[in-house]
Amino acid sequence: MTDLLRPIDLDRPARIAFGPGQVDAIGPWARERGITRSLVVAGGFNAARVDLLGLPGEVSVFGTVKPEPDIANLDAALALADCVQPQLVVGFGGGSAMDLAKLVAVLPGSGQTLHEVVGPEKVAGRRVALAQVSTTSGTGSEAGSRALVTDPATQNKLAVQSRHMIADLAVVAPDLTLSVPAAVTAATGVDALAHCAEAFTSRRAHPTIDLYALEGIRLVGRFLARAVADGADREARAGLALASLYGGFCLGPVNTTAGHAVAYPLGTRHHVAHGLACAVIFPHTLAFNASAVPEKTALVLHALGLGGASDVLAASHGWCASLGIEMRLSRLDVPEDDLPVMASEAHAIRRLLDNNPREMRREDILAMYRSAF
């Protein structure tokens, strides 16, 4: 069976408002629907600028989203939702805020617990409206159907996937990202790149998604260095926002592969920010998979401006390092004696590793960690 004969479902937000000034779209959109009671889910910085959303009526704010949200963080947000009884939930921030917003929109009043909805399509439904307003360019969560929460008991990420968590409105206003520092811009930009590259090279890759994946990689290759060098470069910010959105399109029907599986323990065990973890790991998994998907790997390198490079690891590692990203685990407070445990945890994330184009053993993952150390 060719890729074109393999069925695939494509789900998108009902409306996507993209471009400068589009943050102004959410207020009129809410008024048209008679919304008078909203709950905004945000981190501290964005909680202080909720007025930018122009929401009508009573607006409550859960403003303590953690960078890597855990079950306790989610429970606190759910408790506020139970009190507020919102008609609209708004995720305002990066992936952490938007992921929590998805769960806050579907769990209250459902009779379902978080653990009961972990996995694909177990959410019973949604009774409130959901809007996502992205303020970073990396996760693409505004366009996706997944939410990730860390379970402190196991130090693993719990992944919920549901069509009921797809936003009614996704706002991608690149000007909201102008305040993102250079280091965060670089790391989150590589996260967007990883979403696209992993989907493009996945065993589940599909022509309907390849289009977005490859263009997303090109956009990162063209604009990420510019945005890191000059955070006020509005065209570069818009290019990265579009790359992130395209990466979000890749996540639902195809999803990521080994790169994210290997990156996850860095965040759950050692609190390395997700984008940074993905950036450190990206060159190693791209190089590992190159022998299984040589033509697509060459297209990835070409899209990044690295066409003709004979050493995939050296070329991609150098490209990430040139953005100022710290690429050594030893400099990120990851203890060397924890690498074997991390390798075991990463190897157990079958929902991602089973999509990888090349079989990856625990020993292969451990070798990557040691190479990155």
Protein backbone atom coordinates (compact mmCIF):
# COMPACT_ATOMS: atom_id res chain seq x y z
CA MET A 1 0.00 0.00 0.00
CA THR A 2 1.36 3.41 -0.94
CA ASP A 3 1.03 6.39 1.40
CA LEU A 4 -1.76 7.80 -0.76
CA LEU A 5 -3.86 4.69 -0.16
CA ARG A 6 -3.49 4.84 3.62
CA PRO A 7 -6.46 6.59 5.29
CA ILE A 8 -5.81 9.62 7.47
CA ASP A 9 -8.06 11.98 9.45
CA LEU A 10 -7.25 15.70 9.48
CA ASP A 11 -8.77 17.81 12.26
CA ARG A 12 -8.24 21.55 12.57
CA PRO A 13 -9.57 24.34 14.80
CA ALA A 14 -12.88 25.64 13.46
CA ARG A 15 -11.27 29.04 12.94
CA ILE A 16 -7.62 30.08 12.80
CA ALA A 17 -6.85 33.81 13.08
CA PHE A 18 -3.23 34.29 11.95
CA GLY A 19 -1.20 37.47 11.67
CA PRO A 20 -0.32 40.74 13.38
CA GLY A 21 -3.17 42.23 15.36
CA GLN A 22 -5.25 39.06 15.32
CA VAL A 23 -5.36 38.93 19.10
CA ASP A 24 -8.18 41.45 18.64
CA ALA A 25 -10.29 38.69 17.07
CA ILE A 26 -11.07 36.82 20.27
CA GLY A 27 -13.19 39.53 21.93
CA PRO A 28 -15.72 39.96 19.09
CA TRP A 29 -15.74 36.18 18.57
CA ALA A 30 -16.71 35.66 22.23
CA ARG A 31 -19.38 38.38 22.09
CA GLU A 32 -20.97 36.82 19.00
CA ARG A 33 -21.43 33.64 21.04
CA GLY A 34 -22.93 35.37 24.05
CA ILE A 35 -19.95 34.55 26.27
CA THR A 36 -20.17 36.39 29.58
CA ARG A 37 -17.95 34.21 31.80
CA SER A 38 -14.44 33.15 30.80
CA LEU A 39 -11.49 31.40 32.43
CA VAL A 40 -8.03 32.22 31.10
CA VAL A 41 -5.27 29.67 31.73
CA ALA A 42 -1.84 31.30 31.64
CA GLY A 43 1.59 31.58 33.20
CA GLY A 44 2.57 34.57 35.32
CA PHE A 45 3.77 36.83 32.50
CA ASN A 46 0.70 36.36 30.33
CA ALA A 47 -1.65 36.46 33.32
CA ALA A 48 -0.55 40.07 33.75
CA ARG A 49 -1.62 40.99 30.21
CA VAL A 50 -4.99 39.27 29.95
CA ASP A 51 -6.54 42.62 29.09
CA LEU A 52 -5.01 42.25 25.62
CA LEU A 53 -7.65 39.61 24.90
CA GLY A 54 -10.55 42.03 25.26
CA LEU A 55 -12.85 39.33 26.62
CA PRO A 56 -16.41 40.36 27.50
CA GLY A 57 -18.10 39.91 30.87
CA GLU A 58 -16.51 38.26 33.90
CA VAL A 59 -12.96 37.07 33.32
CA SER A 60 -11.21 34.80 35.81
CA VAL A 61 -7.54 33.92 35.51
CA PHE A 62 -5.62 30.80 36.50
CA GLY A 63 -2.19 32.41 36.31
CA THR A 64 0.18 29.84 37.79
CA VAL A 65 0.81 27.42 34.93
CA LYS A 66 4.15 25.65 35.39
CA PRO A 67 6.64 25.32 32.50
CA GLU A 68 6.21 21.53 32.68
CA PRO A 69 2.70 21.18 34.21
CA ASP A 70 2.08 18.26 36.51
CA ILE A 71 -1.06 16.69 37.94
CA ALA A 72 -1.11 19.06 40.93
CA ASN A 73 -0.94 22.06 38.60
CA LEU A 74 -3.84 20.65 36.59
CA ASP A 75 -5.86 19.90 39.72
CA ALA A 76 -5.50 23.52 40.86
CA ALA A 77 -6.77 24.76 37.50
CA LEU A 78 -9.67 22.30 37.58
CA ALA A 79 -10.62 23.46 41.07
CA LEU A 80 -10.87 27.06 39.87
CA ALA A 81 -12.92 25.94 36.87
CA ASP A 82 -15.35 24.18 39.21
CA CYS A 83 -15.83 27.47 41.07
CA VAL A 84 -16.04 29.73 38.03
CA GLN A 85 -18.18 27.48 35.80
CA PRO A 86 -16.89 29.22 32.64
CA GLN A 87 -18.64 29.28 29.29
CA LEU A 88 -15.25 29.77 27.60
CA VAL A 89 -11.79 28.47 28.47
CA VAL A 90 -8.84 30.32 26.93
CA GLY A 91 -5.29 28.99 26.81
CA PHE A 92 -3.01 32.05 26.73
CA GLY A 93 0.68 31.27 26.45
CA GLY A 94 2.90 28.47 25.22
CA GLY A 95 2.29 24.76 25.10
CA SER A 96 1.97 24.31 28.85
CA ALA A 97 -0.86 26.84 29.18
CA MET A 98 -2.65 25.60 26.07
CA ASP A 99 -2.37 21.94 27.10
CA LEU A 100 -3.84 22.66 30.53
CA ALA A 101 -6.61 24.71 28.92
CA LYS A 102 -7.61 21.73 26.81
CA LEU A 103 -8.03 19.54 29.88
CA VAL A 104 -9.78 22.30 31.84
CA ALA A 105 -12.26 22.57 28.97
CA VAL A 106 -13.19 18.87 28.94
CA LEU A 107 -12.81 17.43 32.46
CA PRO A 108 -15.01 19.54 34.80
CA GLY A 109 -18.50 18.10 35.02
CA SER A 110 -17.62 15.16 32.79
CA GLY A 111 -17.42 12.51 35.50
CA GLN A 112 -14.04 11.51 34.07
CA THR A 113 -10.67 11.70 35.79
CA LEU A 114 -7.39 12.52 34.07
CA HIS A 115 -6.21 8.91 34.21
CA GLU A 116 -9.46 7.73 32.61
CA VAL A 117 -8.86 9.86 29.51
CA VAL A 118 -5.16 9.15 28.98
CA GLY A 119 -4.69 7.75 25.49
CA PRO A 120 -6.49 8.34 22.21
CA GLU A 121 -10.13 9.45 21.99
CA LYS A 122 -11.33 8.63 25.51
CA VAL A 123 -12.74 12.08 26.35
CA ALA A 124 -16.53 11.95 26.57
CA GLY A 125 -17.19 15.43 25.20
CA ARG A 126 -16.98 19.15 25.84
CA ARG A 127 -19.65 21.54 27.11
CA VAL A 128 -17.76 24.84 26.96
CA ALA A 129 -16.07 26.82 24.21
CA LEU A 130 -12.29 26.60 23.84
CA ALA A 131 -9.96 29.24 22.42
CA GLN A 132 -6.18 29.13 22.23
CA VAL A 133 -3.95 32.20 21.96
CA SER A 134 -0.31 31.31 21.31
CA THR A 135 2.47 33.54 22.66
CA THR A 136 5.47 31.41 21.67
CA SER A 137 6.54 29.78 18.42
CA GLY A 138 7.30 26.16 19.12
CA THR A 139 4.65 23.78 20.39
CA GLY A 140 1.87 24.32 17.85
CA SER A 141 -0.49 23.27 20.63
CA GLU A 142 -3.05 25.82 19.46
CA ALA A 143 -3.77 23.62 16.45
CA GLY A 144 -3.52 20.20 18.06
CA SER A 145 -5.66 17.64 19.85
CA ARG A 146 -3.13 16.49 22.47
CA ALA A 147 -2.37 17.57 26.02
CA LEU A 148 0.60 16.40 28.10
CA VAL A 149 0.81 16.44 31.90
CA THR A 150 3.61 15.01 34.04
CA ASP A 151 2.77 12.40 36.67
CA PRO A 152 5.16 13.06 39.58
CA ALA A 153 4.71 9.51 40.87
CA THR A 154 6.21 7.97 37.73
CA GLN A 155 8.03 11.02 36.30
CA ASN A 156 6.38 10.21 32.97
CA LYS A 157 4.20 12.36 30.74
CA LEU A 158 0.54 11.42 30.48
CA ALA A 159 -0.73 12.05 26.95
CA VAL A 160 -4.40 12.72 26.24
CA GLN A 161 -5.60 12.92 22.65
CA SER A 162 -9.14 13.90 21.71
CA ARG A 163 -10.99 15.70 18.95
CA HIS A 164 -12.96 17.35 21.75
CA MET A 165 -9.79 19.25 22.72
CA ILE A 166 -9.39 20.95 19.35
CA ALA A 167 -9.95 24.68 19.71
CA ASP A 168 -13.00 26.46 18.36
CA LEU A 169 -10.70 29.44 17.76
CA ALA A 170 -6.91 29.44 17.47
CA VAL A 171 -5.25 32.86 17.50
CA VAL A 172 -1.69 33.08 16.22
CA ALA A 173 -0.61 36.71 16.58
CA PRO A 174 3.17 36.85 15.99
CA ASP A 175 3.52 40.23 17.70
CA LEU A 176 2.76 38.49 21.00
CA THR A 177 6.10 36.67 20.63
CA LEU A 178 8.22 39.84 20.34
CA SER A 179 9.02 39.74 24.06
CA VAL A 180 10.32 36.14 24.00
CA PRO A 181 14.07 36.13 24.91
CA ALA A 182 16.62 34.97 22.36
CA ALA A 183 17.48 31.73 24.18
CA VAL A 184 13.82 30.72 24.45
CA THR A 185 13.21 31.75 20.83
CA ALA A 186 16.03 29.46 19.72
CA ALA A 187 14.94 26.44 21.76
CA THR A 188 11.24 26.69 20.96
CA GLY A 189 12.07 27.22 17.30
CA VAL A 190 13.93 23.90 17.26
CA ASP A 191 10.92 22.31 18.97
CA ALA A 192 8.79 23.43 16.01
CA LEU A 193 11.47 22.09 13.69
CA ALA A 194 11.48 18.75 15.52
CA HIS A 195 7.70 18.41 15.21
CA CYS A 196 7.96 18.88 11.46
CA ALA A 197 11.07 16.78 10.88
CA GLU A 198 9.90 13.88 13.03
CA ALA A 199 6.50 13.80 11.33
CA PHE A 200 8.16 14.05 7.91
CA THR A 201 10.41 11.05 8.58
CA SER A 202 7.91 8.98 10.61
CA ARG A 203 6.70 5.54 9.67
CA ARG A 204 3.25 7.16 9.72
CA ALA A 205 4.28 10.01 7.41
CA HIS A 206 1.60 10.93 4.88
CA PRO A 207 1.60 13.21 1.81
CA THR A 208 -1.20 15.33 3.29
CA ILE A 209 1.11 16.21 6.19
CA ASP A 210 4.47 16.16 4.37
CA LEU A 211 3.43 19.40 2.70
CA TYR A 212 3.15 21.20 6.05
CA ALA A 213 6.14 19.43 7.58
CA LEU A 214 8.64 20.34 4.88
CA GLU A 215 7.43 23.94 4.60
CA GLY A 216 7.63 24.25 8.39
CA ILE A 217 11.26 23.12 8.27
CA ARG A 218 11.99 25.66 5.51
CA LEU A 219 10.43 28.44 7.56
CA VAL A 220 12.56 27.58 10.60
CA GLY A 221 15.66 27.42 8.41
CA ARG A 222 14.89 30.83 6.94
CA PHE A 223 13.72 32.74 9.99
CA LEU A 224 14.96 31.26 13.28
CA ALA A 225 18.48 32.71 13.20
CA ARG A 226 17.01 36.09 12.26
CA ALA A 227 14.58 36.08 15.19
CA VAL A 228 17.34 35.05 17.61
CA ALA A 229 19.59 37.85 16.35
CA ASP A 230 16.83 40.48 16.40
CA GLY A 231 13.77 39.75 18.49
CA ALA A 232 12.00 42.77 16.99
CA ASP A 233 12.17 41.33 13.45
CA ARG A 234 8.43 41.05 12.88
CA GLU A 235 8.72 39.15 9.60
CA ALA A 236 10.95 36.54 11.24
CA ARG A 237 8.53 36.26 14.17
CA ALA A 238 5.65 35.72 11.75
CA GLY A 239 7.62 33.07 9.86
CA LEU A 240 8.33 31.15 13.05
CA ALA A 241 4.71 31.43 14.18
CA LEU A 242 3.63 29.87 10.90
CA ALA A 243 6.26 27.12 11.25
CA SER A 244 4.94 26.37 14.73
CA LEU A 245 1.37 26.22 13.44
CA TYR A 246 2.40 23.82 10.69
CA GLY A 247 4.18 21.71 13.30
CA GLY A 248 0.90 21.59 15.22
CA PHE A 249 -0.83 20.34 12.07
CA CYS A 250 1.71 17.48 12.02
CA LEU A 251 1.05 16.37 15.58
CA GLY A 252 -2.54 15.15 15.37
CA PRO A 253 -2.60 12.74 12.43
CA VAL A 254 1.10 11.73 12.42
CA ASN A 255 2.81 12.87 15.67
CA THR A 256 6.44 12.84 16.70
CA THR A 257 8.88 9.94 16.97
CA ALA A 258 12.12 9.14 18.80
CA GLY A 259 13.29 12.73 19.16
CA HIS A 260 10.52 13.60 21.58
CA ALA A 261 10.66 10.23 23.36
CA VAL A 262 14.37 10.71 24.06
CA ALA A 263 13.83 14.35 25.08
CA TYR A 264 11.00 13.73 27.56
CA PRO A 265 13.08 12.35 30.49
CA LEU A 266 15.21 15.51 30.40
CA GLY A 267 12.11 17.50 31.31
CA THR A 268 10.32 15.13 33.64
CA ARG A 269 13.41 14.07 35.61
CA HIS A 270 15.63 17.16 35.44
CA HIS A 271 13.31 20.04 34.54
CA VAL A 272 15.06 20.92 31.30
CA ALA A 273 12.61 23.09 29.36
CA HIS A 274 10.87 21.06 26.67
CA GLY A 275 12.10 23.13 23.73
CA LEU A 276 15.68 23.01 24.97
CA ALA A 277 15.47 19.25 25.54
CA CYS A 278 14.22 18.73 21.99
CA ALA A 279 16.98 20.97 20.62
CA VAL A 280 19.74 19.02 22.38
CA ILE A 281 18.40 15.70 21.11
CA PHE A 282 17.35 16.73 17.59
CA PRO A 283 20.73 16.26 15.81
CA HIS A 284 21.28 12.85 17.38
CA THR A 285 17.95 11.33 16.33
CA LEU A 286 18.07 12.96 12.88
CA ALA A 287 21.48 11.36 12.31
CA PHE A 288 20.41 8.00 13.77
CA ASN A 289 17.44 7.80 11.40
CA ALA A 290 19.30 9.00 8.32
CA SER A 291 20.14 5.50 7.08
CA ALA A 292 16.45 4.52 7.18
CA VAL A 293 15.14 7.65 5.41
CA PRO A 294 18.12 9.05 3.46
CA GLU A 295 16.11 11.00 0.87
CA LYS A 296 13.90 12.71 3.44
CA THR A 297 16.89 13.43 5.67
CA ALA A 298 18.58 15.14 2.74
CA LEU A 299 15.45 17.24 2.21
CA VAL A 300 15.46 18.25 5.88
CA LEU A 301 19.10 19.36 5.66
CA HIS A 302 18.46 21.22 2.41
CA ALA A 303 15.47 23.02 3.94
CA LEU A 304 17.72 24.17 6.79
CA GLY A 305 20.32 25.47 4.37
CA LEU A 306 22.65 22.53 5.02
CA GLY A 307 22.31 20.87 1.64
CA GLY A 308 25.24 18.69 0.66
CA ALA A 309 26.41 18.03 4.21
CA SER A 310 27.93 14.56 4.44
CA ASP A 311 27.91 14.33 8.25
CA VAL A 312 24.30 14.70 9.40
CA LEU A 313 25.15 14.86 13.10
CA ALA A 314 27.91 17.43 12.74
CA ALA A 315 25.89 19.62 10.38
CA SER A 316 22.68 19.65 12.41
CA HIS A 317 24.50 19.91 15.75
CA GLY A 318 26.51 22.87 14.46
CA TRP A 319 23.34 24.52 13.16
CA CYS A 320 21.67 24.29 16.59
CA ALA A 321 24.82 25.42 18.42
CA SER A 322 25.11 28.44 16.11
CA LEU A 323 21.81 29.67 17.57
CA GLY A 324 23.45 29.87 20.99
CA ILE A 325 21.77 26.74 22.32
CA GLU A 326 23.66 24.86 25.02
CA MET A 327 23.96 21.40 23.48
CA ARG A 328 25.69 19.55 26.34
CA LEU A 329 23.66 17.71 28.94
CA SER A 330 26.47 18.15 31.46
CA ARG A 331 25.90 21.92 31.29
CA LEU A 332 22.16 21.48 31.87
CA ASP A 333 22.58 19.86 35.31
CA VAL A 334 21.76 16.36 34.05
CA PRO A 335 23.76 13.88 36.16
CA GLU A 336 25.75 11.33 34.21
CA ASP A 337 24.76 8.49 36.52
CA ASP A 338 21.08 9.02 35.60
CA LEU A 339 21.60 8.43 31.89
CA PRO A 340 20.85 4.66 32.05
CA VAL A 341 17.57 5.26 33.90
CA MET A 342 16.62 7.95 31.42
CA ALA A 343 17.36 5.57 28.55
CA SER A 344 15.04 2.96 30.05
CA GLU A 345 12.26 5.51 30.51
CA ALA A 346 12.63 6.86 26.97
CA HIS A 347 12.67 3.36 25.50
CA ALA A 348 9.35 2.62 27.22
CA ILE A 349 7.55 5.45 25.38
CA ARG A 350 6.26 3.13 22.67
CA ARG A 351 3.52 5.49 21.44
CA LEU A 352 6.35 7.53 19.87
CA LEU A 353 9.17 5.05 19.35
CA ASP A 354 6.95 2.68 17.40
CA ASN A 355 6.57 5.45 14.80
CA ASN A 356 10.31 5.91 14.40
CA PRO A 357 11.61 4.97 10.94
CA ARG A 358 14.46 2.92 12.44
CA GLU A 359 14.24 0.53 15.37
CA MET A 360 15.84 2.16 18.40
CA ARG A 361 17.13 0.01 21.24
CA ARG A 362 17.69 1.16 24.80
CA GLU A 363 21.42 0.93 24.11
CA ASP A 364 21.04 3.30 21.16
CA ILE A 365 19.28 5.85 23.36
CA LEU A 366 21.93 5.56 26.04
CA ALA A 367 24.62 6.12 23.41
CA MET A 368 22.82 9.29 22.30
CA TYR A 369 22.69 10.61 25.84
CA ARG A 370 26.38 9.89 26.31
CA SER A 371 27.21 11.57 23.02
CA ALA A 372 25.18 14.62 24.08
CA PHE A 373 26.64 14.68 27.58
